[in-house]
Amino acid sequence: MKHNGRAPLRASRVRPNLINLRDGEKRAIVCPDCTTWRPIRDRMVIAHRAEPHSGRPRHRRAEPGRTPRCPGSGQRIWFDITPDQWHEALADAVTEAASRQATTVLPKAFSPATDRTLRARAERTPAGRMADWKAVQVQVGETDAARKEFPAGARPADGPQLPQEPEHLERHDRRQAELGKQYAARKAAATSAA
């Protein structure tokens, strides 16, 4: 396979989460052009298409409308770091990402007043949030009650009517008695085992 003519890509300059140099695994890299994981063979990104395989037989792939090869195919990789150095850089990147504080990015359309309100809401204590909930709890209860009411004479039209009592009362009573015996036996076994 020929290289793509670009300057070699230094492995030390690639973000450690975009390359795999683990011992015992195939080396791989995220293609800089199509951003998909590709194996590295002979210190180059293997040849691949810009889009996934079409599924057509090999002899039909030479048609003029086929997907072109990705420009990242044949990108040379210069391994100027060891797997241990790569692993250390990966661990540092993970630690750095974990230590970052979550921030809220606000669109430019927000006014300064909205910004102050959102920041104050984010800084509320649990006691403050509880006070907010108590202030609106009555209104929430009234809204929930209003949702349960139907207009005069209206009933939901979808769904079957549910029976209020078992269809076969004798079978139901027998089953309940059987379940009661099973429960008592399990409870007695658990008590004797303890």
Protein backbone atom coordinates (compact mmCIF):
# COMPACT_ATOMS: atom_id res chain seq x y z
CA MET A 1 0.00 0.00 0.00
CA LYS A 2 1.33 3.45 -0.87
CA HIS A 3 1.21 6.32 1.58
CA ASN A 4 -1.01 9.33 0.90
CA GLY A 5 1.86 11.78 0.42
CA ARG A 6 1.24 13.73 3.62
CA ALA A 7 3.85 14.27 6.30
CA PRO A 8 3.96 11.49 8.92
CA LEU A 9 1.70 11.96 11.93
CA ARG A 10 3.62 11.80 15.25
CA ALA A 11 1.95 9.47 17.74
CA SER A 12 3.06 11.77 20.58
CA ARG A 13 1.06 14.64 19.07
CA VAL A 14 -2.18 12.63 18.73
CA ARG A 15 -4.51 12.93 21.73
CA PRO A 16 -4.03 9.71 23.73
CA ASN A 17 -7.72 8.81 23.57
CA LEU A 18 -7.58 8.80 19.74
CA ILE A 19 -4.86 6.16 19.40
CA ASN A 20 -4.45 2.68 20.89
CA LEU A 21 -0.93 1.49 21.69
CA ARG A 22 -1.77 -1.15 24.33
CA ASP A 23 0.57 -4.12 24.41
CA GLY A 24 -1.04 -7.27 23.05
CA GLU A 25 -3.67 -5.38 21.02
CA LYS A 26 -3.64 -4.27 17.40
CA ARG A 27 -2.51 -0.70 17.05
CA ALA A 28 -5.32 1.57 15.88
CA ILE A 29 -6.01 5.25 15.40
CA VAL A 30 -8.98 7.48 14.69
CA CYS A 31 -8.59 8.47 11.04
CA PRO A 32 -8.00 12.23 10.93
CA ASP A 33 -10.26 12.58 7.88
CA CYS A 34 -13.29 10.33 8.46
CA THR A 35 -12.97 10.14 12.29
CA THR A 36 -13.49 6.38 12.52
CA TRP A 37 -11.22 3.87 14.23
CA ARG A 38 -8.87 2.22 11.72
CA PRO A 39 -6.10 -0.35 12.22
CA ILE A 40 -2.49 0.62 11.68
CA ARG A 41 -0.49 -1.74 9.45
CA ASP A 42 3.13 -1.19 8.37
CA ARG A 43 3.12 2.15 10.26
CA MET A 44 0.22 3.45 8.10
CA VAL A 45 -3.55 3.78 8.47
CA ILE A 46 -4.95 0.95 6.36
CA ALA A 47 -6.75 1.78 3.13
CA HIS A 48 -10.46 2.34 3.66
CA ARG A 49 -13.47 4.00 2.09
CA ALA A 50 -14.89 7.29 3.27
CA GLU A 51 -18.18 5.49 3.94
CA PRO A 52 -18.89 1.93 5.10
CA HIS A 53 -18.67 -0.98 2.66
CA SER A 54 -21.49 -1.01 0.14
CA GLY A 55 -22.11 -4.74 0.48
CA ARG A 56 -21.79 -5.25 -3.29
CA PRO A 57 -19.64 -8.09 -4.64
CA ARG A 58 -15.97 -7.28 -5.33
CA HIS A 59 -16.28 -7.49 -9.12
CA ARG A 60 -19.01 -4.79 -9.07
CA ARG A 61 -17.03 -2.33 -6.95
CA ALA A 62 -15.20 -0.90 -9.95
CA GLU A 63 -18.32 0.92 -11.07
CA PRO A 64 -18.01 4.70 -11.52
CA GLY A 65 -20.49 5.58 -8.72
CA ARG A 66 -18.66 3.76 -5.94
CA THR A 67 -17.61 5.47 -2.73
CA PRO A 68 -14.11 6.98 -3.02
CA ARG A 69 -11.22 6.01 -0.80
CA CYS A 70 -10.84 8.17 2.31
CA PRO A 71 -8.00 10.70 1.98
CA GLY A 72 -6.73 9.48 5.38
CA SER A 73 -5.93 6.06 3.88
CA GLY A 74 -2.19 5.45 3.89
CA GLN A 75 -1.48 8.16 6.46
CA ARG A 76 1.98 7.42 7.83
CA ILE A 77 2.33 7.23 11.63
CA TRP A 78 5.63 7.90 13.36
CA PHE A 79 5.75 6.08 16.70
CA ASP A 80 7.91 8.44 18.75
CA ILE A 81 6.50 7.28 22.12
CA THR A 82 6.49 3.93 23.86
CA PRO A 83 3.29 2.17 24.96
CA ASP A 84 4.18 3.01 28.59
CA GLN A 85 4.52 6.72 27.79
CA TRP A 86 1.23 6.60 25.88
CA HIS A 87 -0.50 4.86 28.78
CA GLU A 88 0.81 7.51 31.19
CA ALA A 89 -0.44 10.31 28.91
CA LEU A 90 -3.84 8.59 28.69
CA ALA A 91 -4.07 8.32 32.49
CA ASP A 92 -3.17 12.03 32.83
CA ALA A 93 -5.85 12.99 30.28
CA VAL A 94 -8.47 10.97 32.14
CA THR A 95 -7.49 12.54 35.47
CA GLU A 96 -7.61 16.02 33.96
CA ALA A 97 -11.03 15.40 32.42
CA ALA A 98 -12.38 14.07 35.73
CA SER A 99 -11.13 17.11 37.64
CA ARG A 100 -12.86 19.66 35.44
CA GLN A 101 -15.80 21.43 37.02
CA ALA A 102 -19.08 21.34 35.16
CA THR A 103 -20.02 24.75 33.84
CA THR A 104 -23.18 26.06 32.31
CA VAL A 105 -22.72 27.62 28.89
CA LEU A 106 -25.48 30.08 28.22
CA PRO A 107 -26.56 31.21 24.76
CA LYS A 108 -25.90 34.86 23.94
CA ALA A 109 -29.66 35.48 23.82
CA PHE A 110 -29.90 35.24 27.64
CA SER A 111 -30.18 38.55 29.44
CA PRO A 112 -28.05 39.39 32.49
CA ALA A 113 -31.16 38.92 34.68
CA THR A 114 -31.70 35.39 33.35
CA ASP A 115 -28.02 34.66 33.88
CA ARG A 116 -28.26 35.79 37.54
CA THR A 117 -31.41 33.71 38.06
CA LEU A 118 -29.86 30.55 36.62
CA ARG A 119 -26.66 30.96 38.59
CA ALA A 120 -28.62 31.56 41.83
CA ARG A 121 -30.71 28.46 41.16
CA ALA A 122 -27.55 26.38 40.65
CA GLU A 123 -26.15 27.61 43.99
CA ARG A 124 -29.31 26.80 46.01
CA THR A 125 -28.89 24.64 49.08
CA PRO A 126 -31.08 21.59 49.73
CA ALA A 127 -32.96 23.59 52.38
CA GLY A 128 -33.61 26.36 49.86
CA ARG A 129 -34.90 23.88 47.30
CA MET A 130 -37.18 22.34 49.95
CA ALA A 131 -38.59 25.80 50.75
CA ASP A 132 -39.23 26.35 47.02
CA TRP A 133 -41.10 23.03 46.84
CA LYS A 134 -43.24 23.84 49.90
CA ALA A 135 -44.18 27.17 48.34
CA VAL A 136 -45.68 25.48 45.26
CA GLN A 137 -46.81 22.17 46.76
CA VAL A 138 -50.44 23.32 47.23
CA GLN A 139 -50.69 24.44 43.59
CA VAL A 140 -49.18 21.14 42.39
CA GLY A 141 -51.73 19.18 44.44
CA GLU A 142 -54.61 21.22 42.99
CA THR A 143 -53.32 20.66 39.45
CA ASP A 144 -53.02 16.91 40.04
CA ALA A 145 -56.57 16.77 41.42
CA ALA A 146 -57.89 18.72 38.41
CA ARG A 147 -56.23 16.21 36.06
CA LYS A 148 -58.10 13.33 37.68
CA GLU A 149 -61.50 14.91 37.14
CA PHE A 150 -63.60 14.15 34.06
CA PRO A 151 -66.02 16.54 32.41
CA ALA A 152 -69.65 15.95 33.41
CA GLY A 153 -70.67 12.45 32.29
CA ALA A 154 -67.48 11.78 30.36
CA ARG A 155 -65.52 8.58 30.92
CA PRO A 156 -62.42 7.41 29.12
CA ALA A 157 -63.45 5.68 25.91
CA ASP A 158 -60.29 3.68 25.35
CA GLY A 159 -59.66 0.44 27.18
CA PRO A 160 -61.88 -2.34 28.47
CA GLN A 161 -63.97 -2.08 31.58
CA LEU A 162 -62.16 -3.80 34.42
CA PRO A 163 -64.06 -6.31 36.57
CA GLN A 164 -64.55 -5.33 40.21
CA GLU A 165 -64.69 -8.95 41.48
CA PRO A 166 -63.09 -12.21 40.32
CA GLU A 167 -64.92 -14.02 37.53
CA HIS A 168 -64.75 -17.42 39.30
CA LEU A 169 -65.02 -16.77 43.00
CA GLU A 170 -64.38 -20.39 44.07
CA ARG A 171 -61.18 -20.68 42.00
CA HIS A 172 -60.03 -17.33 43.34
CA ASP A 173 -60.56 -18.41 46.97
CA ARG A 174 -58.73 -21.72 46.37
CA ARG A 175 -55.77 -19.92 44.80
CA GLN A 176 -55.59 -17.43 47.67
CA ALA A 177 -55.64 -20.29 50.23
CA GLU A 178 -52.87 -22.09 48.27
CA LEU A 179 -50.72 -18.95 48.18
CA GLY A 180 -51.25 -18.47 51.91
CA LYS A 181 -50.01 -22.03 52.61
CA GLN A 182 -46.93 -21.49 50.40
CA TYR A 183 -46.14 -18.25 52.22
CA ALA A 184 -46.50 -19.90 55.64
CA ALA A 185 -44.23 -22.80 54.55
CA ARG A 186 -41.52 -20.40 53.26
CA LYS A 187 -41.70 -18.33 56.45
CA ALA A 188 -41.42 -21.48 58.63
CA ALA A 189 -38.42 -22.70 56.58
CA ALA A 190 -36.69 -19.32 56.88
CA THR A 191 -37.31 -19.23 60.64
CA SER A 192 -35.96 -22.76 61.18
CA ALA A 193 -32.88 -22.06 59.02
CA ALA A 194 -32.02 -18.97 61.10
